[in-house]
Each structure stands twice: as C-alpha cells, then as structure tokens.
Amino acid sequence: MTVAQPSLLRRLRLSGLLVSLGLIVEAVTLFWSHPTAFLAFLLLGGTLVAAGVLLYLFSIASYPSPPQQAHPGNT
C-alpha cells in the first residue's frame, strides 16, 4: 500500500468540504418558503456540489500512479 501525497490529500479534503457545504446549503434552502430559495438551492448549492465532484475527479485522475515494483521471483 502506498501513502498518498499531501497535495492529493489536501485536494480531496477540499472537494469533500465543497460537497458538504453544498449539501448544507441545499438542506437549509428546503426550509425556506420564498421563491429565491430555489435559486439558492440550484445556483449556490448545486454549484458547490458540482465543484466538489469535479475537483475530486480531477484530483484522482491527475494523480500519478506509483511505479511498478518487480517481484523477486519474476524475470
């Protein structure tokens, strides 16, 4: 098992934070009874969730794979 780089961990934490904030915004707007609640739900919450998902996908796609180690029995 390999240990992830600190930059990858930082990006993954940030993406999790963005998704969490987006879900919190969406949960709060469910209790509003104003027409702008839908706009906040969609524009603010949806944007935060989408940004978190995209950052997560970019982080794992751009992470370089570790070099393959040769097994002692294989030639």
N, C-alpha and C. Protein backbone atom coordinates (compact mmCIF):
# COMPACT_ATOMS: atom_id res chain seq x y z
N MET A 1 0.85 -1.18 0.00
CA MET A 1 0.00 0.00 0.00
C MET A 1 0.89 1.23 0.00
N THR A 2 0.49 2.23 -0.76
CA THR A 2 1.28 3.45 -0.83
C THR A 2 0.58 4.56 -0.07
N VAL A 3 1.37 5.51 0.36
CA VAL A 3 0.84 6.67 1.06
C VAL A 3 0.63 7.78 0.05
N ALA A 4 -0.53 8.41 0.09
CA ALA A 4 -0.85 9.47 -0.86
C ALA A 4 -0.04 10.73 -0.53
N GLN A 5 0.19 11.51 -1.56
CA GLN A 5 0.93 12.75 -1.39
C GLN A 5 0.07 13.76 -0.64
N PRO A 6 0.71 14.68 0.09
CA PRO A 6 -0.06 15.70 0.82
C PRO A 6 -0.91 16.57 -0.09
N SER A 7 -0.46 16.83 -1.31
CA SER A 7 -1.25 17.66 -2.22
C SER A 7 -2.54 16.95 -2.61
N LEU A 8 -2.47 15.63 -2.81
CA LEU A 8 -3.68 14.87 -3.13
C LEU A 8 -4.65 14.89 -1.95
N LEU A 9 -4.14 14.68 -0.76
CA LEU A 9 -5.00 14.70 0.42
C LEU A 9 -5.65 16.05 0.62
N ARG A 10 -4.89 17.11 0.36
CA ARG A 10 -5.44 18.47 0.51
C ARG A 10 -6.57 18.70 -0.50
N ARG A 11 -6.38 18.24 -1.74
CA ARG A 11 -7.42 18.39 -2.75
C ARG A 11 -8.66 17.57 -2.41
N LEU A 12 -8.45 16.36 -1.91
CA LEU A 12 -9.59 15.52 -1.56
C LEU A 12 -10.37 16.10 -0.37
N ARG A 13 -9.65 16.66 0.59
CA ARG A 13 -10.34 17.30 1.71
C ARG A 13 -11.13 18.52 1.25
N LEU A 14 -10.54 19.30 0.34
CA LEU A 14 -11.23 20.47 -0.18
C LEU A 14 -12.47 20.06 -0.97
N SER A 15 -12.37 19.01 -1.75
CA SER A 15 -13.53 18.57 -2.52
C SER A 15 -14.63 18.06 -1.58
N GLY A 16 -14.26 17.37 -0.53
CA GLY A 16 -15.24 16.93 0.45
C GLY A 16 -15.90 18.09 1.17
N LEU A 17 -15.11 19.12 1.45
CA LEU A 17 -15.65 20.32 2.08
C LEU A 17 -16.64 21.03 1.16
N LEU A 18 -16.30 21.13 -0.12
CA LEU A 18 -17.20 21.78 -1.07
C LEU A 18 -18.52 21.02 -1.20
N VAL A 19 -18.45 19.71 -1.29
CA VAL A 19 -19.67 18.91 -1.38
C VAL A 19 -20.49 19.06 -0.11
N SER A 20 -19.84 19.03 1.04
CA SER A 20 -20.55 19.17 2.31
C SER A 20 -21.23 20.53 2.42
N LEU A 21 -20.51 21.59 2.06
CA LEU A 21 -21.11 22.92 2.10
C LEU A 21 -22.29 23.02 1.14
N GLY A 22 -22.16 22.44 -0.03
CA GLY A 22 -23.27 22.46 -0.99
C GLY A 22 -24.49 21.73 -0.45
N LEU A 23 -24.28 20.59 0.19
CA LEU A 23 -25.41 19.85 0.76
C LEU A 23 -26.04 20.60 1.93
N ILE A 24 -25.23 21.29 2.71
CA ILE A 24 -25.77 22.09 3.82
C ILE A 24 -26.62 23.23 3.28
N VAL A 25 -26.11 23.91 2.25
CA VAL A 25 -26.88 25.00 1.63
C VAL A 25 -28.20 24.46 1.07
N GLU A 26 -28.15 23.32 0.42
CA GLU A 26 -29.37 22.73 -0.13
C GLU A 26 -30.34 22.32 0.97
N ALA A 27 -29.83 21.80 2.08
CA ALA A 27 -30.71 21.42 3.19
C ALA A 27 -31.36 22.63 3.83
N VAL A 28 -30.59 23.73 3.96
CA VAL A 28 -31.14 24.94 4.57
C VAL A 28 -32.22 25.54 3.68
N THR A 29 -32.01 25.53 2.37
CA THR A 29 -32.99 26.13 1.47
C THR A 29 -34.28 25.33 1.39
N LEU A 30 -34.27 24.09 1.82
CA LEU A 30 -35.51 23.31 1.84
C LEU A 30 -36.51 23.85 2.85
N PHE A 31 -36.03 24.58 3.85
CA PHE A 31 -36.92 25.11 4.88
C PHE A 31 -37.40 26.52 4.58
N TRP A 32 -36.88 27.13 3.52
CA TRP A 32 -37.34 28.47 3.14
C TRP A 32 -38.64 28.37 2.37
N SER A 33 -39.50 29.35 2.54
CA SER A 33 -40.75 29.39 1.78
C SER A 33 -40.77 30.64 0.90
N HIS A 34 -39.67 30.91 0.27
CA HIS A 34 -39.54 32.08 -0.59
C HIS A 34 -39.11 31.61 -1.98
N PRO A 35 -39.55 32.29 -3.02
CA PRO A 35 -39.17 31.85 -4.38
C PRO A 35 -37.66 31.85 -4.64
N THR A 36 -36.92 32.69 -3.95
CA THR A 36 -35.47 32.70 -4.18
C THR A 36 -34.77 31.49 -3.56
N ALA A 37 -35.49 30.72 -2.78
CA ALA A 37 -34.91 29.51 -2.19
C ALA A 37 -34.50 28.53 -3.29
N PHE A 38 -35.31 28.46 -4.34
CA PHE A 38 -34.96 27.56 -5.45
C PHE A 38 -33.69 28.03 -6.13
N LEU A 39 -33.54 29.32 -6.30
CA LEU A 39 -32.33 29.84 -6.94
C LEU A 39 -31.10 29.58 -6.08
N ALA A 40 -31.23 29.76 -4.78
CA ALA A 40 -30.10 29.48 -3.88
C ALA A 40 -29.79 27.99 -3.89
N PHE A 41 -30.84 27.16 -3.89
CA PHE A 41 -30.67 25.72 -3.93
C PHE A 41 -29.91 25.31 -5.19
N LEU A 42 -30.35 25.83 -6.32
CA LEU A 42 -29.79 25.41 -7.58
C LEU A 42 -28.44 26.07 -7.86
N LEU A 43 -28.38 27.39 -7.73
CA LEU A 43 -27.17 28.09 -8.11
C LEU A 43 -26.05 27.95 -7.08
N LEU A 44 -26.34 28.18 -5.83
CA LEU A 44 -25.29 28.13 -4.82
C LEU A 44 -24.98 26.68 -4.41
N GLY A 45 -26.01 25.96 -3.99
CA GLY A 45 -25.79 24.58 -3.55
C GLY A 45 -25.34 23.67 -4.67
N GLY A 46 -25.99 23.77 -5.81
CA GLY A 46 -25.62 22.93 -6.94
C GLY A 46 -24.23 23.21 -7.45
N THR A 47 -23.85 24.49 -7.46
CA THR A 47 -22.51 24.86 -7.90
C THR A 47 -21.45 24.32 -6.95
N LEU A 48 -21.69 24.41 -5.66
CA LEU A 48 -20.73 23.89 -4.69
C LEU A 48 -20.57 22.37 -4.81
N VAL A 49 -21.68 21.67 -4.96
CA VAL A 49 -21.62 20.21 -5.10
C VAL A 49 -20.90 19.83 -6.40
N ALA A 50 -21.25 20.50 -7.49
CA ALA A 50 -20.61 20.19 -8.77
C ALA A 50 -19.11 20.50 -8.73
N ALA A 51 -18.74 21.61 -8.10
CA ALA A 51 -17.32 21.95 -7.99
C ALA A 51 -16.58 20.90 -7.16
N GLY A 52 -17.19 20.44 -6.09
CA GLY A 52 -16.56 19.41 -5.26
C GLY A 52 -16.39 18.10 -6.01
N VAL A 53 -17.39 17.70 -6.76
CA VAL A 53 -17.31 16.46 -7.53
C VAL A 53 -16.25 16.58 -8.62
N LEU A 54 -16.24 17.70 -9.32
CA LEU A 54 -15.24 17.89 -10.38
C LEU A 54 -13.82 17.95 -9.83
N LEU A 55 -13.64 18.62 -8.69
CA LEU A 55 -12.31 18.66 -8.08
C LEU A 55 -11.87 17.27 -7.63
N TYR A 56 -12.79 16.48 -7.11
CA TYR A 56 -12.48 15.11 -6.71
C TYR A 56 -12.03 14.29 -7.92
N LEU A 57 -12.82 14.36 -9.00
CA LEU A 57 -12.48 13.59 -10.19
C LEU A 57 -11.15 14.04 -10.80
N PHE A 58 -10.92 15.35 -10.84
CA PHE A 58 -9.66 15.86 -11.35
C PHE A 58 -8.49 15.42 -10.47
N SER A 59 -8.70 15.39 -9.17
CA SER A 59 -7.63 15.01 -8.25
C SER A 59 -7.20 13.56 -8.44
N ILE A 60 -8.18 12.68 -8.56
CA ILE A 60 -7.81 11.27 -8.70
C ILE A 60 -7.34 10.95 -10.11
N ALA A 61 -7.80 11.70 -11.11
CA ALA A 61 -7.37 11.44 -12.49
C ALA A 61 -5.97 11.97 -12.74
N SER A 62 -5.58 13.05 -12.08
CA SER A 62 -4.27 13.64 -12.33
C SER A 62 -3.20 13.10 -11.38
N TYR A 63 -3.56 12.23 -10.47
CA TYR A 63 -2.60 11.66 -9.53
C TYR A 63 -1.74 10.63 -10.26
N PRO A 64 -0.43 10.78 -10.24
CA PRO A 64 0.42 9.82 -10.96
C PRO A 64 0.43 8.47 -10.26
N SER A 65 0.35 7.42 -11.05
CA SER A 65 0.37 6.09 -10.46
C SER A 65 1.78 5.76 -9.99
N PRO A 66 1.92 5.00 -8.91
CA PRO A 66 3.25 4.64 -8.41
C PRO A 66 3.93 3.69 -9.38
N PRO A 67 5.25 3.72 -9.43
CA PRO A 67 5.96 2.81 -10.34
C PRO A 67 5.75 1.36 -9.92
N GLN A 68 5.70 0.49 -10.91
CA GLN A 68 5.52 -0.94 -10.64
C GLN A 68 6.82 -1.51 -10.11
N GLN A 69 6.72 -2.28 -9.04
CA GLN A 69 7.90 -2.91 -8.46
C GLN A 69 8.00 -4.34 -8.99
N ALA A 70 9.19 -4.72 -9.36
CA ALA A 70 9.42 -6.08 -9.87
C ALA A 70 9.41 -7.06 -8.70
N HIS A 71 8.76 -8.17 -8.88
CA HIS A 71 8.75 -9.21 -7.86
C HIS A 71 10.04 -10.02 -7.97
N PRO A 72 10.61 -10.46 -6.86
CA PRO A 72 11.90 -11.18 -6.91
C PRO A 72 11.85 -12.48 -7.71
N GLY A 73 10.74 -13.14 -7.76
CA GLY A 73 10.65 -14.42 -8.47
C GLY A 73 10.43 -14.27 -9.96
N ASN A 74 9.98 -13.11 -10.42
CA ASN A 74 9.72 -12.90 -11.84
C ASN A 74 10.93 -12.33 -12.56
N THR A 75 11.16 -12.77 -13.78
CA THR A 75 12.24 -12.21 -14.59
C THR A 75 11.72 -11.66 -15.87
